[in-house]
Amino acid sequence: MERSELLARLGFAPPEACRVRVIIDTDAKNEGDDDFAILHHLLTPQFDVRGICATHFEVKPPKGACRPTAWNAVTRRYAAC
């Protein structure tokens, strides 16, 4: 069952004109609250998540770890969504 169909059956589907398109920009590997913020955006019916940008949080990241480290943290946690 698609997410939109499930939301409609539960009565949580907002009108299309009321949906807000968002791009999530996060340093997902930094703190635990990032996980909750991403999940909140993915599960809120009013948000139409168009993308997730994973940024690095360290001042001096390990060589070659900047984008892959943060992006891997996002994809590993939210693969089921």
N, C-alpha and C. Protein backbone atom coordinates (compact mmCIF):
# COMPACT_ATOMS: atom_id res chain seq x y z
N MET A 1 0.85 -1.18 0.00
CA MET A 1 0.00 0.00 0.00
C MET A 1 0.90 1.25 0.00
N GLU A 2 0.59 2.18 -0.86
CA GLU A 2 1.35 3.42 -0.95
C GLU A 2 1.06 4.30 0.27
N ARG A 3 2.02 5.14 0.60
CA ARG A 3 1.87 6.05 1.75
C ARG A 3 0.65 6.93 1.60
N SER A 4 0.44 7.49 0.42
CA SER A 4 -0.69 8.39 0.19
C SER A 4 -2.03 7.67 0.38
N GLU A 5 -2.11 6.41 -0.06
CA GLU A 5 -3.33 5.64 0.10
C GLU A 5 -3.60 5.35 1.58
N LEU A 6 -2.55 5.01 2.30
CA LEU A 6 -2.70 4.74 3.73
C LEU A 6 -3.16 5.98 4.48
N LEU A 7 -2.55 7.12 4.17
CA LEU A 7 -2.95 8.37 4.83
C LEU A 7 -4.39 8.73 4.52
N ALA A 8 -4.81 8.52 3.28
CA ALA A 8 -6.19 8.82 2.89
C ALA A 8 -7.16 7.93 3.65
N ARG A 9 -6.84 6.65 3.79
CA ARG A 9 -7.71 5.73 4.53
C ARG A 9 -7.83 6.12 6.00
N LEU A 10 -6.75 6.65 6.56
CA LEU A 10 -6.76 7.05 7.97
C LEU A 10 -7.33 8.45 8.17
N GLY A 11 -7.59 9.15 7.09
CA GLY A 11 -8.13 10.51 7.18
C GLY A 11 -7.09 11.57 7.48
N PHE A 12 -5.81 11.26 7.20
CA PHE A 12 -4.73 12.20 7.48
C PHE A 12 -4.17 12.86 6.23
N ALA A 13 -4.76 12.64 5.10
CA ALA A 13 -4.21 13.19 3.86
C ALA A 13 -4.63 14.65 3.70
N PRO A 14 -3.68 15.58 3.75
CA PRO A 14 -4.03 16.98 3.54
C PRO A 14 -4.29 17.25 2.07
N PRO A 15 -5.07 18.28 1.76
CA PRO A 15 -5.27 18.64 0.34
C PRO A 15 -3.92 18.94 -0.31
N GLU A 16 -3.81 18.62 -1.56
CA GLU A 16 -2.54 18.80 -2.28
C GLU A 16 -2.05 20.25 -2.21
N ALA A 17 -2.97 21.19 -2.24
CA ALA A 17 -2.59 22.61 -2.19
C ALA A 17 -1.97 23.00 -0.86
N CYS A 18 -2.21 22.22 0.18
CA CYS A 18 -1.69 22.52 1.52
C CYS A 18 -0.35 21.84 1.81
N ARG A 19 0.09 20.97 0.92
CA ARG A 19 1.35 20.28 1.15
C ARG A 19 2.53 21.21 0.90
N VAL A 20 3.58 21.03 1.68
CA VAL A 20 4.77 21.87 1.59
C VAL A 20 5.92 21.01 1.06
N ARG A 21 6.54 21.44 -0.03
CA ARG A 21 7.70 20.73 -0.55
C ARG A 21 8.92 21.12 0.27
N VAL A 22 9.68 20.12 0.73
CA VAL A 22 10.86 20.39 1.55
C VAL A 22 12.04 19.55 1.08
N ILE A 23 13.21 20.09 1.31
CA ILE A 23 14.46 19.37 1.15
C ILE A 23 15.11 19.39 2.52
N ILE A 24 15.44 18.22 3.03
CA ILE A 24 16.02 18.10 4.36
C ILE A 24 17.53 18.25 4.24
N ASP A 25 18.10 19.18 5.01
CA ASP A 25 19.54 19.37 5.07
C ASP A 25 19.97 18.99 6.48
N THR A 26 20.79 17.97 6.63
CA THR A 26 21.10 17.45 7.95
C THR A 26 22.54 16.99 8.09
N ASP A 27 23.02 17.05 9.30
CA ASP A 27 24.32 16.45 9.65
C ASP A 27 24.00 15.19 10.46
N ALA A 28 23.39 14.24 9.80
CA ALA A 28 22.73 13.09 10.42
C ALA A 28 23.62 12.24 11.32
N LYS A 29 24.90 12.30 11.19
CA LYS A 29 25.75 11.45 12.01
C LYS A 29 26.17 12.15 13.31
N ASN A 30 25.74 13.37 13.50
CA ASN A 30 26.20 14.17 14.62
C ASN A 30 25.50 13.85 15.94
N GLU A 31 24.20 14.02 16.03
CA GLU A 31 23.47 13.86 17.28
C GLU A 31 22.19 13.07 17.05
N GLY A 32 21.66 12.51 18.12
CA GLY A 32 20.46 11.69 18.03
C GLY A 32 19.21 12.42 17.60
N ASP A 33 19.13 13.71 17.88
CA ASP A 33 17.92 14.45 17.52
C ASP A 33 17.75 14.57 16.01
N ASP A 34 18.83 14.42 15.25
CA ASP A 34 18.74 14.48 13.80
C ASP A 34 17.86 13.35 13.27
N ASP A 35 17.99 12.18 13.88
CA ASP A 35 17.16 11.04 13.47
C ASP A 35 15.67 11.35 13.63
N PHE A 36 15.33 11.94 14.75
CA PHE A 36 13.92 12.27 15.00
C PHE A 36 13.42 13.35 14.04
N ALA A 37 14.26 14.31 13.75
CA ALA A 37 13.85 15.38 12.83
C ALA A 37 13.60 14.83 11.43
N ILE A 38 14.49 13.94 10.95
CA ILE A 38 14.31 13.37 9.62
C ILE A 38 13.04 12.52 9.59
N LEU A 39 12.86 11.68 10.58
CA LEU A 39 11.65 10.84 10.62
C LEU A 39 10.39 11.69 10.69
N HIS A 40 10.44 12.76 11.47
CA HIS A 40 9.28 13.66 11.56
C HIS A 40 8.91 14.19 10.18
N HIS A 41 9.90 14.63 9.43
CA HIS A 41 9.63 15.17 8.10
C HIS A 41 9.11 14.09 7.15
N LEU A 42 9.68 12.89 7.24
CA LEU A 42 9.25 11.82 6.34
C LEU A 42 7.83 11.33 6.66
N LEU A 43 7.44 11.39 7.91
CA LEU A 43 6.14 10.84 8.31
C LEU A 43 5.03 11.89 8.42
N THR A 44 5.34 13.16 8.33
CA THR A 44 4.33 14.21 8.40
C THR A 44 3.62 14.33 7.06
N PRO A 45 2.32 14.07 7.03
CA PRO A 45 1.58 14.08 5.76
C PRO A 45 1.64 15.42 5.02
N GLN A 46 1.79 16.51 5.73
CA GLN A 46 1.80 17.82 5.09
C GLN A 46 3.09 18.08 4.31
N PHE A 47 4.16 17.35 4.64
CA PHE A 47 5.44 17.56 3.97
C PHE A 47 5.60 16.63 2.77
N ASP A 48 6.03 17.19 1.67
CA ASP A 48 6.36 16.44 0.47
C ASP A 48 7.88 16.49 0.35
N VAL A 49 8.56 15.50 0.94
CA VAL A 49 10.02 15.50 0.98
C VAL A 49 10.57 15.19 -0.41
N ARG A 50 11.31 16.14 -0.95
CA ARG A 50 11.86 16.01 -2.30
C ARG A 50 13.31 15.52 -2.30
N GLY A 51 13.98 15.63 -1.15
CA GLY A 51 15.37 15.17 -1.10
C GLY A 51 15.95 15.32 0.29
N ILE A 52 17.07 14.65 0.49
CA ILE A 52 17.81 14.75 1.74
C ILE A 52 19.26 15.04 1.39
N CYS A 53 19.78 16.15 1.93
CA CYS A 53 21.18 16.51 1.76
C CYS A 53 21.92 16.18 3.04
N ALA A 54 22.86 15.28 2.98
CA ALA A 54 23.64 14.90 4.15
C ALA A 54 24.93 15.70 4.16
N THR A 55 25.12 16.51 5.18
CA THR A 55 26.33 17.31 5.31
C THR A 55 27.17 16.77 6.46
N HIS A 56 28.41 17.18 6.52
CA HIS A 56 29.31 16.70 7.55
C HIS A 56 29.33 17.68 8.71
N PHE A 57 29.52 17.18 9.91
CA PHE A 57 29.45 18.02 11.10
C PHE A 57 30.81 18.33 11.69
N GLU A 58 31.84 17.61 11.34
CA GLU A 58 33.15 17.82 11.95
C GLU A 58 33.86 19.00 11.32
N VAL A 59 34.67 19.69 12.15
CA VAL A 59 35.43 20.82 11.65
C VAL A 59 36.45 20.33 10.62
N LYS A 60 37.14 19.26 10.94
CA LYS A 60 38.12 18.70 10.01
C LYS A 60 37.81 17.21 9.84
N PRO A 61 37.00 16.87 8.83
CA PRO A 61 36.61 15.47 8.64
C PRO A 61 37.80 14.62 8.21
N PRO A 62 37.72 13.32 8.49
CA PRO A 62 38.77 12.42 7.99
C PRO A 62 38.82 12.48 6.47
N LYS A 63 39.99 12.29 5.91
CA LYS A 63 40.16 12.37 4.46
C LYS A 63 39.20 11.42 3.74
N GLY A 64 38.41 11.97 2.82
CA GLY A 64 37.49 11.18 2.01
C GLY A 64 36.21 10.77 2.72
N ALA A 65 35.99 11.21 3.95
CA ALA A 65 34.82 10.76 4.71
C ALA A 65 33.71 11.79 4.76
N CYS A 66 33.91 12.94 4.19
CA CYS A 66 32.96 14.03 4.36
C CYS A 66 31.54 13.66 3.99
N ARG A 67 31.24 13.49 2.73
CA ARG A 67 29.87 13.18 2.32
C ARG A 67 29.47 11.73 2.57
N PRO A 68 30.31 10.77 2.25
CA PRO A 68 29.87 9.38 2.43
C PRO A 68 29.50 9.04 3.87
N THR A 69 30.22 9.56 4.86
CA THR A 69 29.93 9.22 6.24
C THR A 69 28.54 9.67 6.64
N ALA A 70 28.20 10.92 6.37
CA ALA A 70 26.88 11.43 6.73
C ALA A 70 25.79 10.77 5.89
N TRP A 71 26.04 10.60 4.59
CA TRP A 71 25.02 10.00 3.73
C TRP A 71 24.76 8.54 4.11
N ASN A 72 25.80 7.80 4.44
CA ASN A 72 25.62 6.42 4.87
C ASN A 72 24.79 6.34 6.14
N ALA A 73 24.98 7.29 7.04
CA ALA A 73 24.18 7.31 8.26
C ALA A 73 22.70 7.51 7.93
N VAL A 74 22.40 8.36 6.98
CA VAL A 74 21.01 8.60 6.59
C VAL A 74 20.41 7.36 5.93
N THR A 75 21.09 6.81 4.96
CA THR A 75 20.52 5.67 4.22
C THR A 75 20.39 4.42 5.08
N ARG A 76 21.32 4.22 5.98
CA ARG A 76 21.25 3.05 6.85
C ARG A 76 20.05 3.13 7.78
N ARG A 77 19.77 4.29 8.29
CA ARG A 77 18.68 4.45 9.26
C ARG A 77 17.31 4.47 8.61
N TYR A 78 17.23 4.96 7.39
CA TYR A 78 15.92 5.19 6.79
C TYR A 78 15.64 4.34 5.55
N ALA A 79 16.35 3.27 5.39
CA ALA A 79 16.15 2.41 4.23
C ALA A 79 14.73 1.86 4.19
N ALA A 80 14.13 1.66 5.34
CA ALA A 80 12.77 1.10 5.40
C ALA A 80 11.71 2.13 5.02
N CYS A 81 12.03 3.41 5.11
CA CYS A 81 11.04 4.44 4.78
C CYS A 81 10.95 4.53 3.29
